[in-house]
Amino acid sequence: MPPVIRLQNASVSYDRLPVLHDITLEIEDGEKVVLVGPSGAGKTTLLRKLFESVGASAAFIHQDYALVPQLSTFHNVYMGRLDRHGALYNGLNLAIPRRREVEAITPLLVELNLEDKFHERVSELSGGQQQRVAVARALYRDADIVFGDEPVSAVDPRQSDAVLTLLKQETRTLVLAMHDVDLALEHFDRVIGLRNGRMAFDASSTHVARDHLNELFAS
C-alpha cells in the first residue's frame, strides 16, 4: 500500500533564505508521527509542506488556533465541516444551531472539558480552552489525516495527556510538531528530529537516545 503522505527532495525558502533542505519523507496510513526540534528548526514549515502535499481534505490545528473570536465555541468547531454544506445550511446553523450538528459536536466538547463553554464566544476563553476548541474543530472535520502545530502548548500537563490521547484515538494518521520532547516520546511511536531545516534523525521513540536529543537542542 502506498504511503498516504510523501515528500521527495523538498526544499523551502522564504525571501531567498533556505528554511528546509532536501527533505524526503514518507508516512504510512495509520502512523502517529511527531516532529521535534529547537525553535527555528523548520518544524512548522515542514508540517505545512506535508499538509499541502495531501490537500484540503486533511485537518490542521494551527499554532495560533485560527478561531473566529466573535463566534461561539460551537460555531468555531462547526467550521471544521463548513465546506461540506451549502451557504443556506451554514447560514441557518449560524442563526439557530441544527440539532444534528449539536449532537455531533457535544461529545467532543465533553471529551475536551468544554461542554460548559458551548455558547461562549471564544474571545472570552483562556488560551488553553481556545487551543482545545481548535483541537475539537480538527476532530469534528473527521479527516483521515490530522496535522497539528504545537496543539497542547497552552494546556496544562494533565490536559495535555488527555488531548494527545484523544487525538491518537480519533485520528487515523496523525502528524504533530511539538516542543515538549518528553510528551512526544511518551505518546508517539515515530519521532523525526529537525535541526537547521534538515532531518537529524527519523526513528522509533524507543530508539531515540537522550544524546540524540541533547545534540538536537544544543546551541
N, C-alpha and C. Protein backbone atom coordinates (compact mmCIF):
# COMPACT_ATOMS: atom_id res chain seq x y z
N MET A 1 0.84 -1.19 0.00
CA MET A 1 0.00 0.00 0.00
C MET A 1 0.89 1.26 0.00
N PRO A 2 0.64 2.20 -0.90
CA PRO A 2 1.49 3.40 -0.97
C PRO A 2 1.33 4.27 0.27
N PRO A 3 2.36 5.07 0.58
CA PRO A 3 2.25 5.97 1.73
C PRO A 3 1.16 7.00 1.49
N VAL A 4 0.52 7.46 2.57
CA VAL A 4 -0.54 8.47 2.44
C VAL A 4 0.04 9.87 2.38
N ILE A 5 1.29 10.03 2.83
CA ILE A 5 1.98 11.32 2.76
C ILE A 5 3.38 11.06 2.22
N ARG A 6 3.77 11.86 1.24
CA ARG A 6 5.10 11.64 0.64
C ARG A 6 5.70 12.96 0.18
N LEU A 7 6.92 13.21 0.60
CA LEU A 7 7.71 14.34 0.10
C LEU A 7 8.98 13.79 -0.51
N GLN A 8 9.38 14.37 -1.63
CA GLN A 8 10.59 13.93 -2.30
C GLN A 8 11.49 15.13 -2.56
N ASN A 9 12.63 15.15 -1.89
CA ASN A 9 13.63 16.21 -2.09
C ASN A 9 13.01 17.61 -2.00
N ALA A 10 12.21 17.81 -0.95
CA ALA A 10 11.51 19.09 -0.79
C ALA A 10 12.41 20.12 -0.10
N SER A 11 12.46 21.31 -0.68
CA SER A 11 13.18 22.43 -0.09
C SER A 11 12.27 23.65 -0.09
N VAL A 12 12.41 24.50 0.92
CA VAL A 12 11.59 25.70 1.03
C VAL A 12 12.48 26.87 1.41
N SER A 13 12.25 28.02 0.78
CA SER A 13 12.96 29.24 1.13
C SER A 13 11.96 30.37 1.31
N TYR A 14 12.26 31.28 2.23
CA TYR A 14 11.47 32.49 2.42
C TYR A 14 12.40 33.69 2.19
N ASP A 15 12.02 34.55 1.24
CA ASP A 15 12.86 35.70 0.90
C ASP A 15 14.30 35.28 0.63
N ARG A 16 14.42 34.19 -0.13
CA ARG A 16 15.72 33.63 -0.55
C ARG A 16 16.50 33.01 0.61
N LEU A 17 15.89 32.94 1.77
CA LEU A 17 16.55 32.31 2.91
C LEU A 17 16.06 30.86 3.03
N PRO A 18 16.95 29.88 2.84
CA PRO A 18 16.54 28.48 2.93
C PRO A 18 16.04 28.12 4.33
N VAL A 19 14.89 27.45 4.38
CA VAL A 19 14.29 27.05 5.65
C VAL A 19 14.26 25.52 5.77
N LEU A 20 13.96 24.84 4.66
CA LEU A 20 14.03 23.38 4.60
C LEU A 20 14.99 22.98 3.50
N HIS A 21 15.76 21.92 3.76
CA HIS A 21 16.77 21.49 2.81
C HIS A 21 16.54 20.03 2.41
N ASP A 22 16.10 19.81 1.18
CA ASP A 22 16.12 18.47 0.56
C ASP A 22 15.52 17.39 1.47
N ILE A 23 14.27 17.60 1.88
CA ILE A 23 13.59 16.66 2.77
C ILE A 23 12.87 15.58 1.96
N THR A 24 13.19 14.34 2.23
CA THR A 24 12.46 13.21 1.66
C THR A 24 11.84 12.43 2.81
N LEU A 25 10.52 12.22 2.73
CA LEU A 25 9.80 11.66 3.87
C LEU A 25 8.55 10.94 3.40
N GLU A 26 8.30 9.76 3.96
CA GLU A 26 7.08 9.02 3.69
C GLU A 26 6.41 8.65 5.00
N ILE A 27 5.09 8.79 5.04
CA ILE A 27 4.31 8.43 6.22
C ILE A 27 3.21 7.48 5.78
N GLU A 28 3.12 6.35 6.45
CA GLU A 28 2.16 5.32 6.08
C GLU A 28 0.80 5.56 6.74
N ASP A 29 -0.20 4.99 6.14
CA ASP A 29 -1.55 5.05 6.70
C ASP A 29 -1.56 4.50 8.12
N GLY A 30 -2.12 5.26 9.05
CA GLY A 30 -2.23 4.80 10.43
C GLY A 30 -1.07 5.18 11.32
N GLU A 31 -0.03 5.78 10.78
CA GLU A 31 1.12 6.15 11.61
C GLU A 31 0.80 7.38 12.47
N LYS A 32 1.43 7.43 13.63
CA LYS A 32 1.38 8.59 14.52
C LYS A 32 2.81 9.12 14.63
N VAL A 33 3.04 10.30 14.07
CA VAL A 33 4.39 10.83 13.90
C VAL A 33 4.50 12.19 14.57
N VAL A 34 5.64 12.44 15.22
CA VAL A 34 5.87 13.74 15.84
C VAL A 34 7.18 14.33 15.33
N LEU A 35 7.15 15.63 15.06
CA LEU A 35 8.34 16.38 14.65
C LEU A 35 8.84 17.15 15.86
N VAL A 36 10.12 17.01 16.18
CA VAL A 36 10.71 17.72 17.31
C VAL A 36 11.95 18.47 16.84
N GLY A 37 12.30 19.49 17.60
CA GLY A 37 13.49 20.26 17.27
C GLY A 37 13.42 21.63 17.92
N PRO A 38 14.53 22.32 17.96
CA PRO A 38 14.55 23.65 18.58
C PRO A 38 13.76 24.66 17.75
N SER A 39 13.50 25.81 18.34
CA SER A 39 12.83 26.89 17.62
C SER A 39 13.63 27.26 16.37
N GLY A 40 12.95 27.40 15.25
CA GLY A 40 13.61 27.74 14.01
C GLY A 40 14.17 26.55 13.25
N ALA A 41 13.89 25.34 13.74
CA ALA A 41 14.43 24.14 13.08
C ALA A 41 13.72 23.82 11.77
N GLY A 42 12.50 24.35 11.60
CA GLY A 42 11.74 24.07 10.38
C GLY A 42 10.53 23.19 10.59
N LYS A 43 10.13 22.98 11.85
CA LYS A 43 9.00 22.08 12.14
C LYS A 43 7.71 22.58 11.51
N THR A 44 7.40 23.86 11.72
CA THR A 44 6.14 24.41 11.19
C THR A 44 6.15 24.40 9.66
N THR A 45 7.28 24.76 9.08
CA THR A 45 7.37 24.78 7.62
C THR A 45 7.21 23.38 7.04
N LEU A 46 7.83 22.40 7.66
CA LEU A 46 7.68 21.02 7.18
C LEU A 46 6.24 20.54 7.35
N LEU A 47 5.65 20.87 8.48
CA LEU A 47 4.26 20.46 8.72
C LEU A 47 3.34 21.03 7.65
N ARG A 48 3.51 22.31 7.32
CA ARG A 48 2.69 22.94 6.28
C ARG A 48 2.95 22.32 4.92
N LYS A 49 4.19 21.98 4.65
CA LYS A 49 4.53 21.34 3.37
C LYS A 49 3.87 19.97 3.26
N LEU A 50 3.86 19.23 4.35
CA LEU A 50 3.20 17.93 4.36
C LEU A 50 1.69 18.09 4.15
N PHE A 51 1.11 19.09 4.82
CA PHE A 51 -0.32 19.37 4.67
C PHE A 51 -0.65 19.73 3.22
N GLU A 52 0.16 20.56 2.60
CA GLU A 52 -0.06 20.96 1.21
C GLU A 52 0.02 19.75 0.27
N SER A 53 0.86 18.79 0.61
CA SER A 53 1.01 17.62 -0.26
C SER A 53 -0.21 16.71 -0.23
N VAL A 54 -1.01 16.83 0.82
CA VAL A 54 -2.19 15.97 0.98
C VAL A 54 -3.43 16.65 0.41
N GLY A 55 -3.58 17.94 0.67
CA GLY A 55 -4.76 18.65 0.20
C GLY A 55 -5.68 19.03 1.34
N ALA A 56 -6.70 19.80 0.99
CA ALA A 56 -7.58 20.40 1.99
C ALA A 56 -8.48 19.39 2.70
N SER A 57 -8.51 18.15 2.26
CA SER A 57 -9.35 17.15 2.92
C SER A 57 -8.82 16.82 4.32
N ALA A 58 -7.55 17.07 4.57
CA ALA A 58 -6.97 16.83 5.90
C ALA A 58 -7.38 17.95 6.84
N ALA A 59 -7.13 17.75 8.14
CA ALA A 59 -7.41 18.78 9.14
C ALA A 59 -6.08 19.32 9.66
N PHE A 60 -6.09 20.60 10.05
CA PHE A 60 -4.87 21.25 10.54
C PHE A 60 -5.18 22.04 11.79
N ILE A 61 -4.43 21.77 12.86
CA ILE A 61 -4.55 22.54 14.11
C ILE A 61 -3.45 23.58 14.10
N HIS A 62 -3.83 24.84 13.99
CA HIS A 62 -2.86 25.92 13.87
C HIS A 62 -2.29 26.31 15.24
N GLN A 63 -1.05 26.73 15.23
CA GLN A 63 -0.41 27.15 16.48
C GLN A 63 -1.10 28.36 17.09
N ASP A 64 -1.64 29.24 16.24
CA ASP A 64 -2.35 30.42 16.75
C ASP A 64 -3.86 30.19 16.82
N TYR A 65 -4.27 28.90 16.69
CA TYR A 65 -5.66 28.45 16.84
C TYR A 65 -6.53 28.77 15.63
N ALA A 66 -6.37 29.95 15.00
CA ALA A 66 -7.14 30.35 13.81
C ALA A 66 -8.64 30.26 14.04
N LEU A 67 -9.08 30.75 15.19
CA LEU A 67 -10.51 30.75 15.53
C LEU A 67 -11.12 32.10 15.14
N VAL A 68 -12.45 32.14 15.12
CA VAL A 68 -13.18 33.39 14.88
C VAL A 68 -13.63 33.89 16.24
N PRO A 69 -12.99 34.92 16.79
CA PRO A 69 -13.20 35.30 18.20
C PRO A 69 -14.62 35.70 18.55
N GLN A 70 -15.37 36.27 17.62
CA GLN A 70 -16.72 36.73 17.93
C GLN A 70 -17.77 35.63 17.87
N LEU A 71 -17.35 34.44 17.42
CA LEU A 71 -18.29 33.32 17.35
C LEU A 71 -18.13 32.42 18.56
N SER A 72 -19.16 31.63 18.82
CA SER A 72 -19.18 30.73 19.97
C SER A 72 -18.25 29.54 19.78
N THR A 73 -18.04 28.82 20.86
CA THR A 73 -17.29 27.57 20.79
C THR A 73 -17.94 26.63 19.78
N PHE A 74 -19.25 26.45 19.88
CA PHE A 74 -19.97 25.57 18.96
C PHE A 74 -19.71 25.94 17.51
N HIS A 75 -19.86 27.22 17.18
CA HIS A 75 -19.74 27.63 15.79
C HIS A 75 -18.30 27.50 15.28
N ASN A 76 -17.33 27.73 16.15
CA ASN A 76 -15.95 27.53 15.73
C ASN A 76 -15.66 26.06 15.44
N VAL A 77 -16.18 25.17 16.25
CA VAL A 77 -15.98 23.75 15.99
C VAL A 77 -16.70 23.36 14.70
N TYR A 78 -17.91 23.87 14.52
CA TYR A 78 -18.69 23.56 13.32
C TYR A 78 -17.95 23.94 12.04
N MET A 79 -17.11 24.96 12.11
CA MET A 79 -16.38 25.40 10.93
C MET A 79 -15.44 24.32 10.38
N GLY A 80 -15.20 23.29 11.15
CA GLY A 80 -14.40 22.17 10.65
C GLY A 80 -15.05 21.48 9.47
N ARG A 81 -16.36 21.61 9.33
CA ARG A 81 -17.07 20.99 8.20
C ARG A 81 -17.82 22.03 7.37
N LEU A 82 -17.43 23.27 7.47
CA LEU A 82 -18.13 24.35 6.78
C LEU A 82 -18.18 24.11 5.27
N ASP A 83 -17.12 23.55 4.72
CA ASP A 83 -17.06 23.35 3.27
C ASP A 83 -17.88 22.16 2.79
N ARG A 84 -18.50 21.45 3.70
CA ARG A 84 -19.31 20.28 3.31
C ARG A 84 -20.79 20.60 3.17
N HIS A 85 -21.15 21.85 3.44
CA HIS A 85 -22.55 22.27 3.35
C HIS A 85 -22.66 23.52 2.49
N GLY A 86 -23.87 23.77 2.03
CA GLY A 86 -24.11 24.96 1.24
C GLY A 86 -24.27 26.20 2.10
N ALA A 87 -24.29 27.36 1.44
CA ALA A 87 -24.37 28.63 2.15
C ALA A 87 -25.66 28.76 2.96
N LEU A 88 -26.77 28.24 2.42
CA LEU A 88 -28.04 28.35 3.14
C LEU A 88 -28.00 27.56 4.44
N TYR A 89 -27.54 26.32 4.38
CA TYR A 89 -27.47 25.49 5.58
C TYR A 89 -26.54 26.12 6.62
N ASN A 90 -25.38 26.60 6.15
CA ASN A 90 -24.43 27.22 7.08
C ASN A 90 -25.02 28.47 7.73
N GLY A 91 -25.74 29.24 6.95
CA GLY A 91 -26.37 30.44 7.50
C GLY A 91 -27.43 30.13 8.53
N LEU A 92 -28.25 29.11 8.26
CA LEU A 92 -29.28 28.70 9.21
C LEU A 92 -28.65 28.17 10.49
N ASN A 93 -27.56 27.42 10.33
CA ASN A 93 -26.90 26.86 11.51
C ASN A 93 -26.23 27.95 12.34
N LEU A 94 -25.82 29.02 11.69
CA LEU A 94 -25.26 30.15 12.42
C LEU A 94 -26.32 30.83 13.28
N ALA A 95 -27.53 30.94 12.72
CA ALA A 95 -28.62 31.60 13.44
C ALA A 95 -29.19 30.71 14.54
N ILE A 96 -29.49 29.47 14.17
CA ILE A 96 -30.06 28.50 15.12
C ILE A 96 -29.35 27.17 14.91
N PRO A 97 -28.46 26.78 15.83
CA PRO A 97 -27.72 25.53 15.65
C PRO A 97 -28.64 24.34 15.36
N ARG A 98 -28.30 23.61 14.30
CA ARG A 98 -29.08 22.44 13.91
C ARG A 98 -28.86 21.32 14.93
N ARG A 99 -29.93 20.59 15.21
CA ARG A 99 -29.85 19.52 16.21
C ARG A 99 -28.80 18.48 15.84
N ARG A 100 -28.71 18.16 14.56
CA ARG A 100 -27.74 17.16 14.12
C ARG A 100 -26.31 17.59 14.45
N GLU A 101 -26.02 18.86 14.22
CA GLU A 101 -24.67 19.36 14.49
C GLU A 101 -24.40 19.45 15.99
N VAL A 102 -25.39 19.86 16.74
CA VAL A 102 -25.25 19.92 18.20
C VAL A 102 -24.94 18.54 18.76
N GLU A 103 -25.66 17.53 18.29
CA GLU A 103 -25.46 16.17 18.79
C GLU A 103 -24.11 15.61 18.37
N ALA A 104 -23.56 16.07 17.25
CA ALA A 104 -22.26 15.60 16.80
C ALA A 104 -21.11 16.29 17.53
N ILE A 105 -21.29 17.57 17.85
CA ILE A 105 -20.21 18.35 18.45
C ILE A 105 -20.15 18.21 19.96
N THR A 106 -21.29 18.05 20.61
CA THR A 106 -21.32 18.00 22.08
C THR A 106 -20.40 16.94 22.67
N PRO A 107 -20.37 15.69 22.14
CA PRO A 107 -19.46 14.70 22.74
C PRO A 107 -17.99 15.10 22.67
N LEU A 108 -17.60 15.79 21.60
CA LEU A 108 -16.21 16.27 21.52
C LEU A 108 -15.92 17.30 22.61
N LEU A 109 -16.87 18.19 22.83
CA LEU A 109 -16.67 19.20 23.87
C LEU A 109 -16.62 18.56 25.26
N VAL A 110 -17.39 17.52 25.46
CA VAL A 110 -17.35 16.79 26.74
C VAL A 110 -15.96 16.17 26.93
N GLU A 111 -15.45 15.52 25.88
CA GLU A 111 -14.13 14.88 25.96
C GLU A 111 -13.03 15.89 26.29
N LEU A 112 -13.21 17.12 25.82
CA LEU A 112 -12.19 18.14 26.00
C LEU A 112 -12.52 19.11 27.13
N ASN A 113 -13.49 18.74 27.96
CA ASN A 113 -13.89 19.55 29.12
C ASN A 113 -14.29 20.97 28.71
N LEU A 114 -15.06 21.05 27.64
CA LEU A 114 -15.52 22.34 27.14
C LEU A 114 -17.03 22.42 27.05
N GLU A 115 -17.72 21.43 27.59
CA GLU A 115 -19.18 21.38 27.40
C GLU A 115 -19.88 22.61 27.98
N ASP A 116 -19.31 23.19 29.04
CA ASP A 116 -19.93 24.37 29.65
C ASP A 116 -19.57 25.65 28.91
N LYS A 117 -18.75 25.53 27.85
CA LYS A 117 -18.36 26.69 27.04
C LYS A 117 -19.07 26.70 25.69
N PHE A 118 -20.06 25.87 25.52
CA PHE A 118 -20.75 25.65 24.25
C PHE A 118 -21.17 26.97 23.59
N HIS A 119 -21.82 27.86 24.36
CA HIS A 119 -22.38 29.09 23.81
C HIS A 119 -21.46 30.30 23.96
N GLU A 120 -20.33 30.13 24.66
CA GLU A 120 -19.47 31.28 24.92
C GLU A 120 -18.66 31.66 23.68
N ARG A 121 -18.46 32.96 23.49
CA ARG A 121 -17.55 33.42 22.45
C ARG A 121 -16.14 32.96 22.80
N VAL A 122 -15.41 32.54 21.80
CA VAL A 122 -14.06 32.04 22.10
C VAL A 122 -13.14 33.17 22.57
N SER A 123 -13.49 34.41 22.27
CA SER A 123 -12.70 35.54 22.77
C SER A 123 -12.73 35.62 24.29
N GLU A 124 -13.72 34.98 24.91
CA GLU A 124 -13.86 35.00 26.37
C GLU A 124 -13.18 33.80 27.03
N LEU A 125 -12.61 32.92 26.23
CA LEU A 125 -11.98 31.71 26.77
C LEU A 125 -10.49 31.95 27.04
N SER A 126 -9.93 31.13 27.90
CA SER A 126 -8.49 31.18 28.15
C SER A 126 -7.74 30.60 26.94
N GLY A 127 -6.43 30.82 26.93
CA GLY A 127 -5.62 30.28 25.83
C GLY A 127 -5.71 28.77 25.72
N GLY A 128 -5.67 28.09 26.87
CA GLY A 128 -5.77 26.63 26.86
C GLY A 128 -7.12 26.15 26.35
N GLN A 129 -8.18 26.85 26.73
CA GLN A 129 -9.52 26.50 26.25
C GLN A 129 -9.65 26.74 24.74
N GLN A 130 -9.10 27.85 24.27
CA GLN A 130 -9.13 28.12 22.83
C GLN A 130 -8.37 27.05 22.06
N GLN A 131 -7.25 26.62 22.62
CA GLN A 131 -6.48 25.57 21.95
C GLN A 131 -7.28 24.28 21.85
N ARG A 132 -8.01 23.97 22.90
CA ARG A 132 -8.86 22.76 22.86
C ARG A 132 -10.02 22.91 21.88
N VAL A 133 -10.53 24.13 21.71
CA VAL A 133 -11.55 24.36 20.68
C VAL A 133 -10.97 24.07 19.30
N ALA A 134 -9.72 24.50 19.07
CA ALA A 134 -9.07 24.23 17.79
C ALA A 134 -8.89 22.73 17.56
N VAL A 135 -8.59 22.00 18.62
CA VAL A 135 -8.47 20.54 18.53
C VAL A 135 -9.83 19.92 18.20
N ALA A 136 -10.87 20.39 18.88
CA ALA A 136 -12.23 19.88 18.63
C ALA A 136 -12.63 20.13 17.18
N ARG A 137 -12.31 21.30 16.66
CA ARG A 137 -12.65 21.62 15.26
C ARG A 137 -11.96 20.64 14.31
N ALA A 138 -10.69 20.35 14.56
CA ALA A 138 -9.97 19.41 13.70
C ALA A 138 -10.58 18.01 13.77
N LEU A 139 -10.93 17.58 14.97
CA LEU A 139 -11.54 16.25 15.12
C LEU A 139 -12.92 16.20 14.48
N TYR A 140 -13.67 17.29 14.60
CA TYR A 140 -15.01 17.34 14.01
C TYR A 140 -14.95 17.23 12.49
N ARG A 141 -13.87 17.66 11.91
CA ARG A 141 -13.71 17.55 10.45
C ARG A 141 -13.73 16.09 10.02
N ASP A 142 -13.38 15.18 10.92
CA ASP A 142 -13.44 13.74 10.66
C ASP A 142 -12.57 13.37 9.46
N ALA A 143 -11.38 13.94 9.41
CA ALA A 143 -10.44 13.68 8.33
C ALA A 143 -9.59 12.45 8.65
N ASP A 144 -9.13 11.78 7.61
CA ASP A 144 -8.26 10.62 7.81
C ASP A 144 -6.89 11.04 8.32
N ILE A 145 -6.48 12.27 7.98
CA ILE A 145 -5.16 12.77 8.38
C ILE A 145 -5.33 14.08 9.12
N VAL A 146 -4.69 14.19 10.28
CA VAL A 146 -4.72 15.42 11.06
C VAL A 146 -3.28 15.88 11.30
N PHE A 147 -3.03 17.16 11.02
CA PHE A 147 -1.76 17.80 11.32
C PHE A 147 -1.97 18.79 12.47
N GLY A 148 -0.97 18.92 13.32
CA GLY A 148 -1.10 19.86 14.43
C GLY A 148 0.21 20.53 14.75
N ASP A 149 0.17 21.86 14.86
CA ASP A 149 1.36 22.64 15.18
C ASP A 149 1.29 23.07 16.64
N GLU A 150 2.04 22.38 17.50
CA GLU A 150 2.05 22.64 18.94
C GLU A 150 0.63 22.65 19.52
N PRO A 151 -0.13 21.56 19.36
CA PRO A 151 -1.55 21.57 19.74
C PRO A 151 -1.83 21.53 21.23
N VAL A 152 -0.81 21.35 22.07
CA VAL A 152 -1.04 21.34 23.52
C VAL A 152 -0.11 22.31 24.24
N SER A 153 0.43 23.28 23.53
CA SER A 153 1.42 24.19 24.13
C SER A 153 0.82 25.09 25.21
N ALA A 154 -0.50 25.34 25.16
CA ALA A 154 -1.14 26.22 26.14
C ALA A 154 -1.96 25.45 27.17
N VAL A 155 -1.82 24.13 27.16
CA VAL A 155 -2.64 23.26 28.02
C VAL A 155 -1.78 22.70 29.14
N ASP A 156 -2.37 22.56 30.34
CA ASP A 156 -1.60 22.04 31.47
C ASP A 156 -1.26 20.57 31.24
N PRO A 157 -0.28 20.02 31.99
CA PRO A 157 0.19 18.66 31.73
C PRO A 157 -0.91 17.60 31.75
N ARG A 158 -1.83 17.67 32.70
CA ARG A 158 -2.90 16.66 32.76
C ARG A 158 -3.77 16.72 31.51
N GLN A 159 -4.13 17.93 31.13
CA GLN A 159 -4.95 18.10 29.94
C GLN A 159 -4.17 17.71 28.68
N SER A 160 -2.87 17.98 28.67
CA SER A 160 -2.05 17.62 27.51
C SER A 160 -2.12 16.13 27.23
N ASP A 161 -1.98 15.33 28.27
CA ASP A 161 -2.06 13.88 28.12
C ASP A 161 -3.42 13.47 27.55
N ALA A 162 -4.49 14.07 28.08
CA ALA A 162 -5.84 13.73 27.64
C ALA A 162 -6.06 14.13 26.18
N VAL A 163 -5.59 15.32 25.81
CA VAL A 163 -5.78 15.81 24.44
C VAL A 163 -5.01 14.93 23.45
N LEU A 164 -3.76 14.62 23.76
CA LEU A 164 -2.96 13.80 22.86
C LEU A 164 -3.54 12.39 22.74
N THR A 165 -4.02 11.84 23.85
CA THR A 165 -4.65 10.51 23.81
C THR A 165 -5.89 10.54 22.92
N LEU A 166 -6.69 11.59 23.05
CA LEU A 166 -7.90 11.71 22.23
C LEU A 166 -7.54 11.85 20.75
N LEU A 167 -6.55 12.66 20.44
CA LEU A 167 -6.13 12.82 19.05
C LEU A 167 -5.68 11.49 18.46
N LYS A 168 -4.94 10.71 19.22
CA LYS A 168 -4.48 9.42 18.72
C LYS A 168 -5.63 8.45 18.53
N GLN A 169 -6.59 8.48 19.44
CA GLN A 169 -7.72 7.56 19.35
C GLN A 169 -8.65 7.89 18.19
N GLU A 170 -8.84 9.18 17.94
CA GLU A 170 -9.86 9.61 16.97
C GLU A 170 -9.30 9.91 15.58
N THR A 171 -8.00 9.79 15.40
CA THR A 171 -7.38 10.13 14.13
C THR A 171 -6.68 8.92 13.54
N ARG A 172 -6.89 8.71 12.25
CA ARG A 172 -6.26 7.56 11.59
C ARG A 172 -4.75 7.77 11.43
N THR A 173 -4.38 8.88 10.82
CA THR A 173 -2.97 9.23 10.65
C THR A 173 -2.76 10.61 11.26
N LEU A 174 -1.77 10.70 12.15
CA LEU A 174 -1.57 11.92 12.93
C LEU A 174 -0.12 12.38 12.81
N VAL A 175 0.06 13.67 12.50
CA VAL A 175 1.41 14.25 12.41
C VAL A 175 1.40 15.56 13.18
N LEU A 176 2.20 15.64 14.24
CA LEU A 176 2.25 16.83 15.08
C LEU A 176 3.67 17.37 15.15
N ALA A 177 3.78 18.68 15.34
CA ALA A 177 5.04 19.32 15.70
C ALA A 177 4.93 19.72 17.16
N MET A 178 5.93 19.35 17.96
CA MET A 178 5.88 19.62 19.39
C MET A 178 7.25 20.05 19.91
N HIS A 179 7.21 20.92 20.92
CA HIS A 179 8.46 21.32 21.57
C HIS A 179 8.73 20.50 22.82
N ASP A 180 7.69 19.87 23.38
CA ASP A 180 7.83 19.09 24.61
C ASP A 180 8.29 17.68 24.24
N VAL A 181 9.58 17.45 24.36
CA VAL A 181 10.16 16.17 23.93
C VAL A 181 9.65 15.01 24.77
N ASP A 182 9.51 15.21 26.08
CA ASP A 182 9.05 14.13 26.95
C ASP A 182 7.65 13.66 26.56
N LEU A 183 6.75 14.61 26.29
CA LEU A 183 5.41 14.25 25.83
C LEU A 183 5.48 13.55 24.48
N ALA A 184 6.34 14.04 23.60
CA ALA A 184 6.47 13.45 22.27
C ALA A 184 6.90 11.98 22.36
N LEU A 185 7.90 11.71 23.19
CA LEU A 185 8.39 10.34 23.32
C LEU A 185 7.36 9.44 23.99
N GLU A 186 6.59 10.01 24.88
CA GLU A 186 5.59 9.22 25.60
C GLU A 186 4.41 8.83 24.71
N HIS A 187 4.04 9.69 23.79
CA HIS A 187 2.80 9.48 23.05
C HIS A 187 2.98 9.00 21.60
N PHE A 188 4.20 9.08 21.07
CA PHE A 188 4.37 8.76 19.64
C PHE A 188 5.38 7.65 19.43
N ASP A 189 5.10 6.82 18.43
CA ASP A 189 5.99 5.72 18.11
C ASP A 189 7.14 6.15 17.20
N ARG A 190 6.87 7.13 16.36
CA ARG A 190 7.89 7.59 15.39
C ARG A 190 8.22 9.04 15.65
N VAL A 191 9.50 9.33 15.77
CA VAL A 191 9.97 10.68 16.09
C VAL A 191 10.94 11.14 15.00
N ILE A 192 10.67 12.32 14.46
CA ILE A 192 11.55 12.91 13.45
C ILE A 192 12.19 14.16 14.05
N GLY A 193 13.50 14.18 14.13
CA GLY A 193 14.22 15.32 14.68
C GLY A 193 14.68 16.26 13.57
N LEU A 194 14.44 17.54 13.76
CA LEU A 194 14.84 18.56 12.79
C LEU A 194 15.82 19.54 13.42
N ARG A 195 16.79 19.93 12.62
CA ARG A 195 17.75 20.96 13.06
C ARG A 195 18.23 21.73 11.83
N ASN A 196 18.10 23.04 11.89
CA ASN A 196 18.55 23.90 10.79
C ASN A 196 17.95 23.49 9.45
N GLY A 197 16.68 23.09 9.50
CA GLY A 197 15.97 22.77 8.26
C GLY A 197 16.30 21.42 7.66
N ARG A 198 17.02 20.60 8.39
CA ARG A 198 17.39 19.27 7.89
C ARG A 198 16.92 18.20 8.88
N MET A 199 16.68 17.01 8.35
CA MET A 199 16.32 15.89 9.21
C MET A 199 17.56 15.36 9.91
N ALA A 200 17.55 15.44 11.23
CA ALA A 200 18.69 14.94 12.01
C ALA A 200 18.55 13.45 12.28
N PHE A 201 17.31 13.00 12.47
CA PHE A 201 17.05 11.57 12.64
C PHE A 201 15.57 11.29 12.39
N ASP A 202 15.27 10.06 12.12
CA ASP A 202 13.91 9.55 11.91
C ASP A 202 13.89 8.16 12.51
N ALA A 203 13.31 8.01 13.69
CA ALA A 203 13.45 6.75 14.41
C ALA A 203 12.26 6.46 15.29
N SER A 204 12.17 5.22 15.72
CA SER A 204 11.19 4.83 16.73
C SER A 204 11.53 5.52 18.04
N SER A 205 10.50 5.89 18.80
CA SER A 205 10.74 6.59 20.06
C SER A 205 11.58 5.74 21.02
N THR A 206 11.48 4.43 20.90
CA THR A 206 12.26 3.54 21.77
C THR A 206 13.74 3.54 21.40
N HIS A 207 14.08 4.06 20.21
CA HIS A 207 15.46 4.07 19.77
C HIS A 207 16.06 5.47 19.73
N VAL A 208 15.32 6.45 20.24
CA VAL A 208 15.84 7.82 20.28
C VAL A 208 16.59 8.00 21.60
N ALA A 209 17.89 8.08 21.52
CA ALA A 209 18.70 8.22 22.73
C ALA A 209 18.68 9.66 23.22
N ARG A 210 18.84 9.82 24.53
CA ARG A 210 18.88 11.16 25.11
C ARG A 210 20.02 11.98 24.49
N ASP A 211 21.12 11.30 24.09
CA ASP A 211 22.23 12.01 23.45
C ASP A 211 21.79 12.65 22.14
N HIS A 212 20.92 11.93 21.40
CA HIS A 212 20.41 12.48 20.14
C HIS A 212 19.64 13.77 20.40
N LEU A 213 18.83 13.76 21.44
CA LEU A 213 18.02 14.93 21.76
C LEU A 213 18.87 16.08 22.28
N ASN A 214 19.85 15.76 23.11
CA ASN A 214 20.74 16.80 23.61
C ASN A 214 21.48 17.48 22.47
N GLU A 215 21.92 16.68 21.51
CA GLU A 215 22.63 17.22 20.35
C GLU A 215 21.68 18.06 19.50
N LEU A 216 20.43 17.60 19.37
CA LEU A 216 19.44 18.30 18.56
C LEU A 216 19.17 19.70 19.10
N PHE A 217 19.09 19.81 20.42
CA PHE A 217 18.73 21.09 21.05
C PHE A 217 19.95 21.89 21.52
N ALA A 218 21.15 21.39 21.24
CA ALA A 218 22.35 22.11 21.64
C ALA A 218 22.45 23.43 20.88
N SER A 219 22.94 24.45 21.55
CA SER A 219 23.07 25.77 20.91
C SER A 219 24.24 25.78 19.94
